[in-house]
Amino acid sequence: MNRFVLNYLGIFFILLSILSFFNIIYSYYFNLYLNIDAYFYTLLISLIIGASAFVKKNIDIKVSIYVKIITVVVGYLLIPLVISIPYYFSIYNLSFLNCYFESISGFTSTGFSVFENIKHLDESLILWRSTSQWIGGIYFLFSILLLIDIFDDSLKKSLTNFISFNYSETFKQTFKIFILYTSLTFFIFIILKLINLRTFDSFNIAMTIISSGGFLSVNDISNIVNTDFKQIVFSFLMLFSYFSLFLVYNIFSLKEKNLNFFAEDIYLLVYFLILVFLFFIFFNFDYNFSTILFSIVSSISNIGISFEDTPSNLWFLFLLIVIIGGSFFSTSSGIGFLKIYFLFKYSINEILSYSKPNYIYTNKFHLIDTNIKQKDINMFFLSILIFIISLFVITSLLSIFNLNIEESFKLGILTLMNTVNSSMYGLANFDFLEINSFSKLIMIIFMIIGRVELLTILIIAKKFIFKS
């Protein structure tokens, strides 16, 4: 295996060993000895792999983009293998495929679970599930940074003034992401404690929110978020995985930046406010609006958790919101609101240019300094086309393996968008343990595709199809 691949993945295996050590300490402190041997195995294996990656220094001067792409994909396949160890050696008699399904679901921040009753799990395993989401979220952000050179200039400018990242700049931005990610996790934990959630629930849910995951420490979120005030606070906390990870950092350094620097987040805010307004006007007759607000934010942030009394007749609207998703440089998935908006505006301009050829129509948008380039429009269109093709494929495959068309369609969207199933999508009682092995394998593949699609397929397409 390429030395660069080992070095990069070694960082996350070291991090995984540290988290395993924390789980061992937690288990000893609260006398939870059922799975403690499994955490020792995880600690040992991840530490050996992580340490061996750094025995020999990397001698590669320049790493190709294809090696970087392979590195990201291999990480999504290998790291969950180690994460699955505590599930496999637990007392719950899970098959290897079910363990791997659970770990992939956590690492991709999807949230599908083979565990039907969370109350039956010991707390150390619940904590491990949340940990898998947290490390998966930071892996996603680091992977974007790893492939930063192939993205457009606007994304680079949100990080640095450098045209390209050298080693020192990459380390600087990586360290900044880690500090922001960890700090925001701690901040969310504190706020959850202030609204009177118990410490264990607050810590697990904080890791779920920041990673845009779907694992919970309880069977029903309404058991702990049981007042309108808690619902509203929880809703606003979920926005941290909707907006850009750097929004808070950029606000505090506002004196160094103009308003154009916040263009993406301003567009996302306008989109969010429009959604809230429309749902408040048209869908707030028979339901508590705090529940509707919770569902809106959970969908746009691709978290997906909801309350049992969320109106299930709105499932198609909520799925559309999931597909659109939030900011690209956050831990959420989705196609991206800005991409869809840019494509719509570009299409309108093209139509008008034929009907009124004497007028000049530009692809310059408010708050954005430069015109959107044709190659970016092509990439935006391709991303939507790839999603449609992927949705057709996964829906067809799941329906072949004994799932009905509606379930296959809903699960296809949620799998590709890495969003957990819940009552607002009409899938609250779906049993992942009982589906056949082929369906699990299909969902594993597409959960990974949903996480790396924009980082692989679009990059390769840009390299070979949209050449300069």
Protein backbone atom coordinates (compact mmCIF):
# COMPACT_ATOMS: atom_id res chain seq x y z
CA MET A 1 0.00 0.00 0.00
CA ASN A 2 1.22 3.52 -0.82
CA ARG A 3 3.09 5.15 2.06
CA PHE A 4 0.90 8.25 1.84
CA VAL A 5 -2.24 6.14 2.29
CA LEU A 6 -0.77 4.54 5.42
CA ASN A 7 0.33 7.86 6.87
CA TYR A 8 -3.00 9.56 6.29
CA LEU A 9 -5.13 6.71 7.62
CA GLY A 10 -2.67 6.20 10.47
CA ILE A 11 -3.75 9.54 11.92
CA PHE A 12 -7.32 8.30 12.27
CA PHE A 13 -6.31 4.93 13.66
CA ILE A 14 -4.31 6.76 16.33
CA LEU A 15 -7.36 8.91 17.06
CA LEU A 16 -9.50 5.78 17.20
CA SER A 17 -7.11 4.20 19.70
CA ILE A 18 -7.42 7.29 21.92
CA LEU A 19 -11.21 7.09 21.80
CA SER A 20 -10.99 3.36 22.60
CA PHE A 21 -8.88 4.21 25.63
CA PHE A 22 -11.52 6.70 26.82
CA ASN A 23 -14.17 3.99 26.46
CA ILE A 24 -12.05 1.64 28.59
CA ILE A 25 -11.69 4.29 31.29
CA TYR A 26 -15.44 4.96 31.15
CA SER A 27 -16.22 1.24 31.44
CA TYR A 28 -13.93 0.81 34.44
CA TYR A 29 -15.26 3.90 36.17
CA PHE A 30 -18.92 2.81 35.89
CA ASN A 31 -18.21 -0.92 36.29
CA LEU A 32 -19.35 -1.79 32.76
CA TYR A 33 -17.27 -4.90 32.11
CA LEU A 34 -19.39 -6.60 29.41
CA ASN A 35 -17.52 -5.16 26.41
CA ILE A 36 -14.29 -4.01 27.97
CA ASP A 37 -12.18 -6.74 26.30
CA ALA A 38 -13.46 -5.64 22.90
CA TYR A 39 -12.24 -2.10 23.54
CA PHE A 40 -8.82 -3.48 24.47
CA TYR A 41 -8.71 -5.32 21.13
CA THR A 42 -9.75 -2.15 19.33
CA LEU A 43 -7.13 -0.11 21.17
CA LEU A 44 -4.39 -2.61 20.39
CA ILE A 45 -5.25 -3.08 16.69
CA SER A 46 -5.78 0.61 15.94
CA LEU A 47 -2.62 1.55 17.83
CA ILE A 48 -0.51 -1.01 15.95
CA ILE A 49 -1.84 0.11 12.57
CA GLY A 50 -1.51 3.78 13.43
CA ALA A 51 2.00 3.46 14.84
CA SER A 52 3.27 1.29 11.97
CA ALA A 53 2.20 3.96 9.49
CA PHE A 54 4.76 6.34 10.96
CA VAL A 55 7.68 3.97 11.39
CA LYS A 56 9.10 5.14 8.08
CA LYS A 57 8.80 8.73 6.98
CA ASN A 58 6.91 9.54 3.83
CA ILE A 59 9.38 9.89 0.99
CA ASP A 60 6.85 10.88 -1.67
CA ILE A 61 7.45 14.49 -2.66
CA LYS A 62 4.23 14.88 -4.64
CA VAL A 63 1.08 12.77 -4.33
CA SER A 64 -1.29 12.53 -7.29
CA ILE A 65 -4.96 13.33 -6.95
CA TYR A 66 -5.83 9.71 -7.74
CA VAL A 67 -3.80 8.45 -4.80
CA LYS A 68 -5.66 10.94 -2.60
CA ILE A 69 -9.02 9.71 -3.91
CA ILE A 70 -8.04 6.09 -3.26
CA THR A 71 -6.92 7.07 0.23
CA VAL A 72 -10.32 8.56 1.07
CA VAL A 73 -12.23 5.53 -0.26
CA VAL A 74 -9.94 3.00 1.45
CA GLY A 75 -10.45 4.86 4.72
CA TYR A 76 -14.22 4.48 4.45
CA LEU A 77 -13.73 0.74 3.99
CA LEU A 78 -10.97 -0.03 6.52
CA ILE A 79 -11.63 2.22 9.52
CA PRO A 80 -15.17 0.83 10.05
CA LEU A 81 -13.65 -2.66 10.21
CA VAL A 82 -11.87 -1.66 13.42
CA ILE A 83 -14.92 0.26 14.66
CA SER A 84 -16.99 -2.94 14.27
CA ILE A 85 -14.86 -4.91 16.77
CA PRO A 86 -16.81 -3.89 19.93
CA TYR A 87 -20.08 -4.80 18.17
CA TYR A 88 -18.78 -8.20 17.11
CA PHE A 89 -17.43 -9.16 20.55
CA SER A 90 -20.45 -7.81 22.41
CA ILE A 91 -23.04 -10.03 24.10
CA TYR A 92 -25.65 -9.25 21.43
CA ASN A 93 -24.61 -12.05 19.03
CA LEU A 94 -24.42 -9.94 15.90
CA SER A 95 -23.08 -11.35 12.65
CA PHE A 96 -20.01 -9.75 11.10
CA LEU A 97 -22.14 -8.17 8.35
CA ASN A 98 -24.47 -6.58 10.89
CA CYS A 99 -21.50 -5.25 12.86
CA TYR A 100 -19.93 -3.81 9.72
CA PHE A 101 -23.29 -2.33 8.67
CA GLU A 102 -23.60 -0.59 12.06
CA SER A 103 -20.03 0.75 11.93
CA ILE A 104 -20.35 1.98 8.32
CA SER A 105 -23.63 3.65 9.24
CA GLY A 106 -21.94 5.44 12.12
CA PHE A 107 -18.74 6.36 10.29
CA THR A 108 -20.67 7.83 7.34
CA SER A 109 -22.91 9.68 9.83
CA THR A 110 -26.01 7.97 8.42
CA GLY A 111 -27.53 6.50 11.57
CA PHE A 112 -29.20 3.29 10.34
CA SER A 113 -29.07 0.78 13.18
CA VAL A 114 -29.52 -2.96 13.62
CA PHE A 115 -30.26 -2.38 17.31
CA GLU A 116 -34.01 -2.21 17.83
CA ASN A 117 -34.06 -1.23 21.50
CA ILE A 118 -31.32 1.14 22.69
CA LYS A 119 -32.39 0.59 26.31
CA HIS A 120 -30.98 -2.94 26.09
CA LEU A 121 -27.48 -1.71 25.22
CA ASP A 122 -24.88 -1.01 27.86
CA GLU A 123 -23.82 2.62 28.02
CA SER A 124 -20.27 1.99 26.84
CA LEU A 125 -21.57 0.60 23.53
CA ILE A 126 -23.96 3.55 23.13
CA LEU A 127 -21.00 5.83 23.66
CA TRP A 128 -19.01 3.87 21.07
CA ARG A 129 -21.78 4.34 18.50
CA SER A 130 -21.66 8.10 19.02
CA THR A 131 -17.87 8.04 18.88
CA SER A 132 -18.00 6.37 15.45
CA GLN A 133 -20.12 9.27 14.17
CA TRP A 134 -17.80 11.89 15.62
CA ILE A 135 -14.64 10.45 14.08
CA GLY A 136 -16.51 9.92 10.80
CA GLY A 137 -17.48 13.59 10.71
CA ILE A 138 -13.94 14.80 11.17
CA TYR A 139 -12.69 12.25 8.62
CA PHE A 140 -15.12 13.75 6.09
CA LEU A 141 -13.86 17.28 6.76
CA PHE A 142 -10.21 16.24 6.60
CA SER A 143 -10.88 14.44 3.33
CA ILE A 144 -12.30 17.60 1.78
CA LEU A 145 -9.13 19.39 2.83
CA LEU A 146 -7.01 16.58 1.40
CA LEU A 147 -8.65 17.11 -2.00
CA ILE A 148 -8.90 20.89 -1.77
CA ASP A 149 -6.81 21.62 -4.87
CA ILE A 150 -9.41 20.22 -7.24
CA PHE A 151 -12.27 22.36 -5.91
CA ASP A 152 -13.26 25.81 -7.14
CA ASP A 153 -11.56 29.02 -6.00
CA SER A 154 -14.46 30.11 -3.77
CA LEU A 155 -14.02 27.09 -1.52
CA LYS A 156 -10.27 27.69 -1.27
CA LYS A 157 -10.84 31.35 -0.39
CA SER A 158 -13.04 30.29 2.52
CA LEU A 159 -9.92 28.73 4.04
CA THR A 160 -6.84 30.58 2.89
CA ASN A 161 -5.34 33.13 0.53
CA PHE A 162 -2.92 30.53 -0.84
CA ILE A 163 -3.56 29.35 -4.39
CA SER A 164 -2.40 25.86 -3.47
CA PHE A 165 -1.80 24.10 -0.17
CA ASN A 166 1.72 23.20 0.81
CA TYR A 167 2.48 20.95 3.77
CA SER A 168 2.54 23.73 6.38
CA GLU A 169 -0.70 25.27 5.12
CA THR A 170 -2.43 21.88 5.08
CA PHE A 171 -1.32 21.25 8.67
CA LYS A 172 -2.53 24.70 9.69
CA GLN A 173 -5.99 24.21 8.19
CA THR A 174 -6.25 20.66 9.50
CA PHE A 175 -5.43 21.85 13.01
CA LYS A 176 -7.99 24.65 12.66
CA ILE A 177 -10.69 22.16 11.61
CA PHE A 178 -9.89 19.87 14.54
CA ILE A 179 -10.02 22.74 17.06
CA LEU A 180 -13.27 24.12 15.61
CA TYR A 181 -14.88 20.67 15.43
CA THR A 182 -13.89 19.79 18.99
CA SER A 183 -14.82 23.21 20.38
CA LEU A 184 -18.24 23.18 18.75
CA THR A 185 -18.85 19.68 20.11
CA PHE A 186 -18.04 20.92 23.61
CA PHE A 187 -20.21 24.04 23.12
CA ILE A 188 -23.21 21.94 22.03
CA PHE A 189 -22.64 19.66 25.03
CA ILE A 190 -22.71 22.65 27.41
CA ILE A 191 -25.92 24.03 25.90
CA LEU A 192 -27.62 20.64 26.15
CA LYS A 193 -26.59 20.45 29.80
CA LEU A 194 -28.03 23.93 30.39
CA ILE A 195 -31.45 22.81 29.12
CA ASN A 196 -31.35 20.04 31.71
CA LEU A 197 -30.37 16.96 29.73
CA ARG A 198 -28.36 14.45 31.71
CA THR A 199 -24.61 14.39 31.09
CA PHE A 200 -24.53 11.05 29.26
CA ASP A 201 -27.31 12.05 26.85
CA SER A 202 -25.81 15.51 26.30
CA PHE A 203 -22.41 14.10 25.40
CA ASN A 204 -23.77 11.50 22.97
CA ILE A 205 -26.17 13.91 21.29
CA ALA A 206 -23.45 16.57 20.97
CA MET A 207 -21.39 14.10 18.91
CA THR A 208 -24.47 13.24 16.87
CA ILE A 209 -25.30 16.87 16.09
CA ILE A 210 -21.80 18.05 15.15
CA SER A 211 -21.29 15.05 12.84
CA SER A 212 -24.76 15.29 11.30
CA GLY A 213 -25.32 11.71 12.43
CA GLY A 214 -28.42 9.83 13.48
CA PHE A 215 -27.47 7.66 16.46
CA LEU A 216 -29.25 8.52 19.71
CA SER A 217 -28.76 7.43 23.31
CA VAL A 218 -32.51 6.76 23.69
CA ASN A 219 -35.18 5.05 21.65
CA ASP A 220 -37.34 8.15 21.33
CA ILE A 221 -35.92 11.68 21.33
CA SER A 222 -39.13 12.96 22.96
CA ASN A 223 -38.13 11.15 26.16
CA ILE A 224 -35.40 13.73 26.79
CA VAL A 225 -36.43 16.67 24.59
CA ASN A 226 -39.84 16.95 26.20
CA THR A 227 -40.69 20.66 26.16
CA ASP A 228 -41.20 23.26 23.43
CA PHE A 229 -38.23 25.23 24.73
CA LYS A 230 -35.93 22.20 24.50
CA GLN A 231 -37.17 21.48 20.99
CA ILE A 232 -36.38 25.01 19.83
CA VAL A 233 -32.92 25.02 21.44
CA PHE A 234 -32.17 21.59 19.98
CA SER A 235 -33.31 22.81 16.55
CA PHE A 236 -30.91 25.74 16.57
CA LEU A 237 -28.06 23.51 17.74
CA MET A 238 -28.60 21.28 14.69
CA LEU A 239 -27.92 24.30 12.49
CA PHE A 240 -24.22 23.92 13.39
CA SER A 241 -24.06 21.00 10.93
CA TYR A 242 -26.06 22.94 8.33
CA PHE A 243 -23.97 26.08 7.98
CA SER A 244 -20.27 26.09 7.19
CA LEU A 245 -18.01 24.76 9.92
CA PHE A 246 -16.03 28.01 9.69
CA LEU A 247 -19.02 30.35 10.15
CA VAL A 248 -18.44 30.97 13.86
CA TYR A 249 -14.69 31.39 13.32
CA ASN A 250 -15.26 33.83 10.45
CA ILE A 251 -17.76 35.88 12.44
CA PHE A 252 -15.22 36.42 15.21
CA SER A 253 -12.66 37.54 12.61
CA LEU A 254 -15.17 39.72 10.75
CA LYS A 255 -12.89 42.75 10.71
CA GLU A 256 -10.62 40.94 8.25
CA LYS A 257 -13.39 39.98 5.79
CA ASN A 258 -16.17 41.64 3.78
CA LEU A 259 -19.76 40.53 3.44
CA ASN A 260 -19.01 38.57 0.26
CA PHE A 261 -17.00 36.14 2.36
CA PHE A 262 -20.27 34.97 3.99
CA ALA A 263 -22.18 34.63 0.70
CA GLU A 264 -22.81 30.89 1.01
CA ASP A 265 -24.04 31.08 4.60
CA ILE A 266 -26.23 34.10 3.80
CA TYR A 267 -27.88 32.20 0.96
CA LEU A 268 -28.38 29.22 3.28
CA LEU A 269 -29.91 31.48 5.93
CA VAL A 270 -32.36 32.96 3.41
CA TYR A 271 -33.30 29.46 2.25
CA PHE A 272 -33.85 28.33 5.84
CA LEU A 273 -36.01 31.36 6.69
CA ILE A 274 -38.13 30.84 3.57
CA LEU A 275 -38.72 27.22 4.55
CA VAL A 276 -39.70 28.19 8.10
CA PHE A 277 -42.07 30.86 6.79
CA LEU A 278 -43.76 28.54 4.28
CA PHE A 279 -44.20 25.71 6.77
CA PHE A 280 -45.49 28.12 9.41
CA ILE A 281 -48.11 29.53 7.01
CA PHE A 282 -49.27 26.34 5.29
CA PHE A 283 -48.56 23.43 7.65
CA ASN A 284 -49.12 24.79 11.15
CA PHE A 285 -52.84 24.27 11.61
CA ASP A 286 -52.99 21.09 13.68
CA TYR A 287 -49.44 20.65 14.93
CA ASN A 288 -47.09 22.29 17.37
CA PHE A 289 -44.77 24.45 15.27
CA SER A 290 -41.76 23.67 17.45
CA THR A 291 -42.08 20.07 16.23
CA ILE A 292 -42.29 21.24 12.61
CA LEU A 293 -39.25 23.51 13.12
CA PHE A 294 -37.33 20.58 14.58
CA SER A 295 -38.16 18.44 11.54
CA ILE A 296 -37.18 21.20 9.09
CA VAL A 297 -33.77 21.73 10.70
CA SER A 298 -33.19 18.00 11.10
CA SER A 299 -33.85 17.54 7.38
CA ILE A 300 -31.77 20.43 6.02
CA SER A 301 -28.84 19.37 8.20
CA ASN A 302 -29.26 15.75 7.05
CA ILE A 303 -29.51 14.49 10.62
CA GLY A 304 -33.00 13.06 10.17
CA ILE A 305 -34.15 12.46 13.75
CA SER A 306 -37.73 13.50 14.53
CA PHE A 307 -40.57 13.16 17.03
CA GLU A 308 -43.24 10.49 16.77
CA ASP A 309 -45.98 13.14 16.36
CA THR A 310 -44.31 14.74 13.32
CA PRO A 311 -46.89 14.77 10.49
CA SER A 312 -45.95 11.78 8.32
CA ASN A 313 -48.10 13.07 5.41
CA LEU A 314 -45.34 15.63 4.75
CA TRP A 315 -42.72 12.93 4.14
CA PHE A 316 -42.18 13.87 0.50
CA LEU A 317 -41.50 17.53 1.37
CA PHE A 318 -39.05 16.53 4.09
CA LEU A 319 -37.28 14.17 1.67
CA LEU A 320 -36.93 17.02 -0.84
CA ILE A 321 -35.33 19.13 1.88
CA VAL A 322 -32.96 16.25 2.68
CA ILE A 323 -31.94 16.01 -0.99
CA ILE A 324 -31.14 19.72 -1.15
CA GLY A 325 -29.15 19.60 2.10
CA GLY A 326 -26.91 22.34 3.48
CA SER A 327 -23.42 23.76 3.21
CA PHE A 328 -20.71 21.81 1.41
CA PHE A 329 -18.02 22.53 3.99
CA SER A 330 -20.07 21.22 6.88
CA THR A 331 -20.62 17.66 8.07
CA SER A 332 -24.00 17.43 6.31
CA SER A 333 -24.67 15.78 2.99
CA GLY A 334 -27.20 16.68 0.30
CA ILE A 335 -26.68 18.03 -3.20
CA GLY A 336 -26.38 21.60 -1.93
CA PHE A 337 -28.80 24.50 -2.05
CA LEU A 338 -26.37 26.81 -3.85
CA LYS A 339 -25.75 24.32 -6.65
CA ILE A 340 -29.47 24.00 -7.33
CA TYR A 341 -29.95 27.77 -7.13
CA PHE A 342 -27.06 28.46 -9.49
CA LEU A 343 -28.37 25.91 -11.99
CA PHE A 344 -31.86 27.39 -11.83
CA LYS A 345 -30.59 30.94 -12.34
CA TYR A 346 -28.29 29.82 -15.16
CA SER A 347 -31.16 27.99 -16.89
CA ILE A 348 -33.41 31.06 -16.67
CA ASN A 349 -30.64 33.22 -18.14
CA GLU A 350 -30.17 30.78 -21.01
CA ILE A 351 -33.90 30.78 -21.81
CA LEU A 352 -34.10 34.57 -21.65
CA SER A 353 -31.04 34.93 -23.86
CA TYR A 354 -32.94 33.18 -26.65
CA SER A 355 -36.20 35.06 -26.15
CA LYS A 356 -34.50 38.45 -25.76
CA PRO A 357 -31.16 38.21 -27.58
CA ASN A 358 -30.48 41.94 -27.36
CA TYR A 359 -30.07 41.73 -23.59
CA ILE A 360 -26.91 40.56 -21.87
CA TYR A 361 -27.33 37.98 -19.12
CA THR A 362 -24.44 37.21 -16.80
CA ASN A 363 -23.98 34.44 -14.28
CA LYS A 364 -22.92 36.82 -11.55
CA PHE A 365 -24.80 36.37 -8.28
CA HIS A 366 -25.37 38.70 -5.38
CA LEU A 367 -22.58 38.74 -2.77
CA ILE A 368 -20.29 36.71 -5.06
CA ASP A 369 -17.33 38.54 -6.57
CA THR A 370 -16.95 36.57 -9.81
CA ASN A 371 -19.20 34.95 -12.38
CA ILE A 372 -19.95 31.26 -12.00
CA LYS A 373 -17.86 29.54 -14.65
CA GLN A 374 -19.30 27.25 -17.29
CA LYS A 375 -17.26 24.30 -16.03
CA ASP A 376 -18.76 24.77 -12.54
CA ILE A 377 -22.27 24.80 -14.01
CA ASN A 378 -21.41 21.57 -15.80
CA MET A 379 -20.20 20.03 -12.57
CA PHE A 380 -23.35 21.12 -10.72
CA PHE A 381 -25.51 19.56 -13.40
CA LEU A 382 -23.45 16.37 -13.34
CA SER A 383 -23.81 16.07 -9.55
CA ILE A 384 -27.61 16.12 -9.86
CA LEU A 385 -27.49 13.67 -12.75
CA ILE A 386 -25.29 11.30 -10.73
CA PHE A 387 -27.71 11.52 -7.80
CA ILE A 388 -30.68 10.65 -10.02
CA ILE A 389 -28.84 7.71 -11.56
CA SER A 390 -27.65 6.50 -8.13
CA LEU A 391 -31.17 6.81 -6.69
CA PHE A 392 -32.61 4.80 -9.58
CA VAL A 393 -29.99 2.08 -9.13
CA ILE A 394 -30.32 1.69 -5.36
CA THR A 395 -34.14 1.85 -5.50
CA SER A 396 -34.20 -0.85 -8.17
CA LEU A 397 -31.75 -3.09 -6.31
CA LEU A 398 -33.54 -2.79 -2.96
CA SER A 399 -36.92 -3.48 -4.56
CA ILE A 400 -35.49 -6.60 -6.20
CA PHE A 401 -34.40 -7.90 -2.79
CA ASN A 402 -37.90 -8.01 -1.26
CA LEU A 403 -38.47 -4.38 -0.21
CA ASN A 404 -41.53 -2.57 -1.56
CA ILE A 405 -41.08 0.33 -3.97
CA GLU A 406 -41.98 3.07 -1.49
CA GLU A 407 -39.58 1.79 1.17
CA SER A 408 -36.86 1.32 -1.44
CA PHE A 409 -37.34 4.86 -2.74
CA LYS A 410 -37.26 6.44 0.72
CA LEU A 411 -34.31 4.35 1.90
CA GLY A 412 -32.49 5.11 -1.35
CA ILE A 413 -32.71 8.85 -0.73
CA LEU A 414 -31.77 8.58 2.94
CA THR A 415 -28.85 6.25 2.17
CA LEU A 416 -27.39 8.52 -0.51
CA MET A 417 -27.91 11.59 1.66
CA ASN A 418 -26.56 9.83 4.82
CA THR A 419 -29.70 10.65 6.78
CA VAL A 420 -31.28 8.44 9.42
CA ASN A 421 -34.76 6.94 8.99
CA SER A 422 -37.45 8.39 11.25
CA SER A 423 -41.20 8.96 11.59
CA MET A 424 -41.26 12.09 9.40
CA TYR A 425 -40.20 9.92 6.46
CA GLY A 426 -42.61 7.13 7.38
CA LEU A 427 -39.78 4.74 8.30
CA ALA A 428 -39.59 4.97 12.08
CA ASN A 429 -40.24 1.26 12.61
CA PHE A 430 -38.10 -0.08 9.79
CA ASP A 431 -36.08 -3.09 11.00
CA PHE A 432 -32.58 -3.17 9.50
CA LEU A 433 -31.72 -6.36 11.37
CA GLU A 434 -34.31 -8.36 9.44
CA ILE A 435 -33.42 -7.28 5.90
CA ASN A 436 -31.38 -9.77 3.89
CA SER A 437 -27.62 -9.69 3.43
CA PHE A 438 -27.78 -8.45 -0.15
CA SER A 439 -29.83 -5.40 0.89
CA LYS A 440 -27.34 -4.64 3.66
CA LEU A 441 -24.41 -4.89 1.24
CA ILE A 442 -26.16 -2.58 -1.23
CA MET A 443 -26.82 -0.02 1.51
CA ILE A 444 -23.23 -0.25 2.75
CA ILE A 445 -21.94 0.51 -0.74
CA PHE A 446 -24.30 3.41 -1.28
CA MET A 447 -23.73 4.88 2.19
CA ILE A 448 -20.07 5.19 1.21
CA ILE A 449 -20.98 6.51 -2.25
CA GLY A 450 -23.20 9.10 -0.59
CA ARG A 451 -20.26 10.31 1.48
CA VAL A 452 -17.54 10.28 -1.17
CA GLU A 453 -19.48 10.86 -4.40
CA LEU A 454 -18.61 14.53 -4.75
CA LEU A 455 -15.05 13.78 -3.71
CA THR A 456 -14.48 11.04 -6.29
CA ILE A 457 -16.89 10.77 -9.19
CA LEU A 458 -17.08 14.51 -9.79
CA ILE A 459 -13.34 14.90 -9.52
CA ILE A 460 -12.69 12.16 -12.05
CA ALA A 461 -15.37 13.61 -14.31
CA LYS A 462 -13.79 17.01 -14.04
CA LYS A 463 -10.41 15.51 -14.95
CA PHE A 464 -11.54 13.56 -18.01
CA ILE A 465 -14.78 15.17 -19.21
CA PHE A 466 -14.50 18.87 -18.41
CA LYS A 467 -10.93 19.51 -19.45
CA SER A 468 -9.72 23.08 -19.63
